[in-house]
């Protein structure tokens, strides 16, 4: 399966999980079995995947990448982060009220 195919499969899985409560619960409990049952795709042996739900008490859930072993930030990088020059971030807008169909 190519990288593009993996991306399309992941998009399909996430899209389905956004509206199919049973499939979503299956993904949370046993993702490999849910993907196999839902899409006929068997993940490679030893491949580990986990789906998580964003708790309702959070506005944003971010999964950090693995920490690069042995790599430390330079003094310039530390200064940029500490000084806030590494880029501005603002929270996403709140979701529309239920029943709002405005795009």
Protein backbone atom coordinates (compact mmCIF):
# COMPACT_ATOMS: atom_id res chain seq x y z
CA UNK A 1 0.00 0.00 0.00
CA UNK A 2 1.51 3.34 -1.03
CA UNK A 3 1.84 6.38 1.22
CA UNK A 4 -1.04 8.02 -0.65
CA UNK A 5 -3.21 4.94 -0.11
CA UNK A 6 -2.37 5.04 3.61
CA UNK A 7 -3.46 8.67 3.75
CA UNK A 8 -6.73 7.91 1.93
CA UNK A 9 -7.44 5.01 4.27
CA UNK A 10 -6.73 7.15 7.32
CA UNK A 11 -9.01 9.91 5.98
CA UNK A 12 -11.79 7.37 5.41
CA UNK A 13 -11.36 5.87 8.89
CA UNK A 14 -11.40 9.27 10.60
CA UNK A 15 -14.39 10.43 8.55
CA UNK A 16 -16.35 7.29 9.40
CA UNK A 17 -15.40 7.54 13.09
CA UNK A 18 -16.85 11.05 13.20
CA UNK A 19 -20.36 9.74 12.54
CA UNK A 20 -20.40 6.03 13.35
CA UNK A 21 -20.45 5.57 17.13
CA UNK A 22 -20.02 1.77 17.01
CA UNK A 23 -17.05 1.97 14.62
CA UNK A 24 -15.53 4.70 16.78
CA UNK A 25 -15.74 2.52 19.89
CA UNK A 26 -14.18 -0.37 17.96
CA UNK A 27 -11.30 1.90 16.88
CA UNK A 28 -10.69 2.93 20.46
CA UNK A 29 -10.76 -0.67 21.74
CA UNK A 30 -8.96 -2.54 18.92
CA UNK A 31 -7.97 -0.34 15.96
CA UNK A 32 -6.43 -3.12 13.86
CA UNK A 33 -9.56 -5.28 14.14
CA UNK A 34 -11.83 -2.30 13.41
CA UNK A 35 -9.87 -1.37 10.27
CA UNK A 36 -9.78 -4.99 9.12
CA UNK A 37 -13.53 -5.43 9.67
CA UNK A 38 -14.48 -2.04 8.24
CA UNK A 39 -12.15 -1.84 5.26
CA UNK A 40 -10.70 -5.30 4.68
CA UNK A 41 -7.19 -4.00 5.35
CA UNK A 42 -4.89 -6.00 7.59
CA UNK A 43 -2.22 -3.89 9.24
CA UNK A 44 1.31 -5.32 9.12
CA UNK A 45 2.38 -7.54 12.01
CA UNK A 46 3.92 -5.45 14.76
CA UNK A 47 2.38 -2.20 13.48
CA UNK A 48 0.87 -0.33 16.39
CA UNK A 49 -1.76 2.36 16.06
CA UNK A 50 -3.93 4.06 18.64
CA UNK A 51 -6.90 6.37 18.25
CA UNK A 52 -7.81 8.74 21.07
CA UNK A 53 -10.77 10.97 21.72
CA UNK A 54 -10.35 14.58 22.71
CA UNK A 55 -11.87 14.98 26.16
CA UNK A 56 -14.76 17.43 26.23
CA UNK A 57 -12.86 19.48 28.79
CA UNK A 58 -10.13 20.35 26.24
CA UNK A 59 -10.32 22.79 23.36
CA UNK A 60 -7.38 21.26 21.50
CA UNK A 61 -5.52 17.95 21.81
CA UNK A 62 -2.04 17.84 20.30
CA UNK A 63 0.06 14.69 20.05
CA UNK A 64 3.70 15.67 20.24
CA UNK A 65 6.25 13.95 18.00
CA UNK A 66 8.90 11.76 19.55
CA UNK A 67 11.72 13.62 21.24
CA UNK A 68 14.79 13.49 19.04
CA UNK A 69 17.40 11.64 21.09
CA UNK A 70 20.60 13.59 21.68
CA UNK A 71 19.35 16.78 20.04
CA UNK A 72 19.30 19.88 22.17
CA UNK A 73 17.99 23.29 21.23
CA UNK A 74 20.61 25.86 20.32
CA UNK A 75 20.87 29.09 22.31
CA UNK A 76 19.17 30.90 19.40
CA UNK A 77 16.32 28.35 19.37
CA UNK A 78 15.87 28.68 23.13
CA UNK A 79 15.87 32.47 22.87
CA UNK A 80 13.25 32.39 20.09
CA UNK A 81 10.97 30.15 22.13
CA UNK A 82 11.48 32.09 25.37
CA UNK A 83 11.05 35.42 23.60
CA UNK A 84 7.97 34.31 21.74
CA UNK A 85 9.43 34.96 18.28
CA UNK A 86 9.05 31.38 17.09
CA UNK A 87 5.55 32.06 15.79
CA UNK A 88 2.23 33.19 17.12
CA UNK A 89 -0.59 30.79 17.82
CA UNK A 90 -4.17 31.61 18.42
CA UNK A 91 -6.89 29.19 19.45
CA UNK A 92 -9.37 28.03 16.84
CA UNK A 93 -12.72 29.78 16.73
CA UNK A 94 -15.48 28.19 18.81
CA UNK A 95 -17.78 25.75 17.03
CA UNK A 96 -21.06 27.10 15.70
CA UNK A 97 -24.15 26.65 17.86
CA UNK A 98 -26.11 23.43 17.31
CA UNK A 99 -28.36 23.70 14.27
CA UNK A 100 -26.34 26.54 12.71
CA UNK A 101 -25.89 25.78 9.01
CA UNK A 102 -23.76 28.83 8.21
CA UNK A 103 -20.62 27.70 6.33
